Amino acid sequence: MALIILDTCTACDACRPVCPNEAISAADPIYIIDPDRCTECVGAEDEPQCKLVCPADCIVQDPDHVETPEQLQAKYDALHG
């Protein structure tokens, strides 16, 4: 399942640099996560790095993009193959 950034985002830029897939970008007025690039850090880390560093605690699972760990790993492999 990809992640999504809620409207409570403060646009602090803490999440963007820690994303191993470059899935996070600045938008107006909040940051956004590209679901085609988000693997919840499967393949790179043990847990989503953006959630760890987010001071606003506004990054959650996106119910519109449900994926299994195997699908997330395949996506990561395709991005970094």
C-alpha atoms as a PDB file:
ATOM      1  CA  MET A   1       0.000   0.000   0.000  1.00  0.00           C
ATOM      2  CA  ALA A   2       1.378   3.375  -0.891  1.00  0.00           C
ATOM      3  CA  LEU A   3       1.395   6.218   1.589  1.00  0.00           C
ATOM      4  CA  ILE A   4      -0.368   9.566   1.401  1.00  0.00           C
ATOM      5  CA  ILE A   5       0.307  12.923   3.060  1.00  0.00           C
ATOM      6  CA  LEU A   6      -2.652  14.497   4.832  1.00  0.00           C
ATOM      7  CA  ASP A   7      -3.675  18.160   4.709  1.00  0.00           C
ATOM      8  CA  THR A   8      -2.026  18.714   8.093  1.00  0.00           C
ATOM      9  CA  CYS A   9       1.381  18.671   6.345  1.00  0.00           C
ATOM     10  CA  THR A  10       3.513  21.678   7.296  1.00  0.00           C
ATOM     11  CA  ALA A  11       5.724  21.412   4.180  1.00  0.00           C
ATOM     12  CA  CYS A  12       8.817  21.148   6.386  1.00  0.00           C
ATOM     13  CA  ASP A  13      10.713  19.042   3.788  1.00  0.00           C
ATOM     14  CA  ALA A  14      11.830  16.414   6.331  1.00  0.00           C
ATOM     15  CA  CYS A  15      10.268  13.548   4.371  1.00  0.00           C
ATOM     16  CA  ARG A  16      11.467  14.243   0.832  1.00  0.00           C
ATOM     17  CA  PRO A  17      15.223  13.660   1.302  1.00  0.00           C
ATOM     18  CA  VAL A  18      14.775  10.342   3.147  1.00  0.00           C
ATOM     19  CA  CYS A  19      12.633   8.677   0.471  1.00  0.00           C
ATOM     20  CA  PRO A  20      14.725   6.015  -1.295  1.00  0.00           C
ATOM     21  CA  ASN A  21      12.412   6.077  -4.326  1.00  0.00           C
ATOM     22  CA  GLU A  22      12.147   9.850  -4.787  1.00  0.00           C
ATOM     23  CA  ALA A  23       8.371   9.446  -4.456  1.00  0.00           C
ATOM     24  CA  ILE A  24       7.834  12.628  -2.434  1.00  0.00           C
ATOM     25  CA  SER A  25       7.711  16.073  -3.969  1.00  0.00           C
ATOM     26  CA  ALA A  26       6.679  19.570  -3.010  1.00  0.00           C
ATOM     27  CA  ALA A  27       3.263  20.655  -4.194  1.00  0.00           C
ATOM     28  CA  ASP A  28       1.050  23.578  -3.349  1.00  0.00           C
ATOM     29  CA  PRO A  29       0.359  23.852  -0.452  1.00  0.00           C
ATOM     30  CA  ILE A  30       1.525  20.449   0.875  1.00  0.00           C
ATOM     31  CA  TYR A  31       3.888  17.690  -0.183  1.00  0.00           C
ATOM     32  CA  ILE A  32       2.593  14.723  -2.170  1.00  0.00           C
ATOM     33  CA  ILE A  33       3.616  11.088  -2.591  1.00  0.00           C
ATOM     34  CA  ASP A  34       3.588   9.461  -6.029  1.00  0.00           C
ATOM     35  CA  PRO A  35       1.838   6.105  -5.484  1.00  0.00           C
ATOM     36  CA  ASP A  36       3.630   4.651  -8.499  1.00  0.00           C
ATOM     37  CA  ARG A  37       6.984   5.220  -6.760  1.00  0.00           C
ATOM     38  CA  CYS A  38       6.053   4.621  -3.101  1.00  0.00           C
ATOM     39  CA  THR A  39       6.985   1.191  -1.758  1.00  0.00           C
ATOM     40  CA  GLU A  40       6.684   2.118   1.935  1.00  0.00           C
ATOM     41  CA  CYS A  41      10.478   1.624   1.861  1.00  0.00           C
ATOM     42  CA  VAL A  42      10.075  -2.114   1.190  1.00  0.00           C
ATOM     43  CA  GLY A  43      13.330  -3.161  -0.433  1.00  0.00           C
ATOM     44  CA  ALA A  44      15.316  -0.344   1.155  1.00  0.00           C
ATOM     45  CA  GLU A  45      14.433  -0.043   4.854  1.00  0.00           C
ATOM     46  CA  ASP A  46      12.521  -1.908   7.560  1.00  0.00           C
ATOM     47  CA  GLU A  47       9.867   0.802   7.851  1.00  0.00           C
ATOM     48  CA  PRO A  48       8.749   3.918   5.980  1.00  0.00           C
ATOM     49  CA  GLN A  49      11.412   6.536   6.577  1.00  0.00           C
ATOM     50  CA  CYS A  50       9.106   9.457   5.813  1.00  0.00           C
ATOM     51  CA  LYS A  51       6.786   8.455   8.652  1.00  0.00           C
ATOM     52  CA  LEU A  52       9.753   8.274  11.037  1.00  0.00           C
ATOM     53  CA  VAL A  53      10.901  11.829  10.349  1.00  0.00           C
ATOM     54  CA  CYS A  54       7.538  13.576   9.894  1.00  0.00           C
ATOM     55  CA  PRO A  55       7.075  16.023  12.791  1.00  0.00           C
ATOM     56  CA  ALA A  56       3.406  16.567  11.892  1.00  0.00           C
ATOM     57  CA  ASP A  57       2.623  12.821  11.924  1.00  0.00           C
ATOM     58  CA  CYS A  58       0.596  13.327   8.746  1.00  0.00           C
ATOM     59  CA  ILE A  59       1.750  10.400   6.580  1.00  0.00           C
ATOM     60  CA  VAL A  60      -0.650   7.455   6.517  1.00  0.00           C
ATOM     61  CA  GLN A  61      -1.503   4.469   4.348  1.00  0.00           C
ATOM     62  CA  ASP A  62      -3.415   5.336   1.201  1.00  0.00           C
ATOM     63  CA  PRO A  63      -6.574   3.183   1.032  1.00  0.00           C
ATOM     64  CA  ASP A  64      -6.804   3.851  -2.713  1.00  0.00           C
ATOM     65  CA  HIS A  65      -3.473   2.085  -3.347  1.00  0.00           C
ATOM     66  CA  VAL A  66      -3.526  -1.241  -1.505  1.00  0.00           C
ATOM     67  CA  GLU A  67      -0.538  -3.495  -2.291  1.00  0.00           C
ATOM     68  CA  THR A  68       0.966  -6.609  -0.738  1.00  0.00           C
ATOM     69  CA  PRO A  69       4.568  -6.684   0.523  1.00  0.00           C
ATOM     70  CA  GLU A  70       5.406  -8.782  -2.536  1.00  0.00           C
ATOM     71  CA  GLN A  71       3.928  -6.176  -4.879  1.00  0.00           C
ATOM     72  CA  LEU A  72       5.815  -3.412  -3.072  1.00  0.00           C
ATOM     73  CA  GLN A  73       9.079  -5.382  -3.420  1.00  0.00           C
ATOM     74  CA  ALA A  74       8.424  -5.928  -7.138  1.00  0.00           C
ATOM     75  CA  LYS A  75       7.802  -2.196  -7.565  1.00  0.00           C
ATOM     76  CA  TYR A  76      11.026  -1.388  -5.717  1.00  0.00           C
ATOM     77  CA  ASP A  77      12.958  -3.854  -7.898  1.00  0.00           C
ATOM     78  CA  ALA A  78      11.498  -2.295 -11.044  1.00  0.00           C
ATOM     79  CA  LEU A  79      12.465   1.196  -9.876  1.00  0.00           C
ATOM     80  CA  HIS A  80      16.007   0.218  -8.924  1.00  0.00           C
ATOM     81  CA  GLY A  81      16.629  -2.726 -11.282  1.00  0.00           C
END
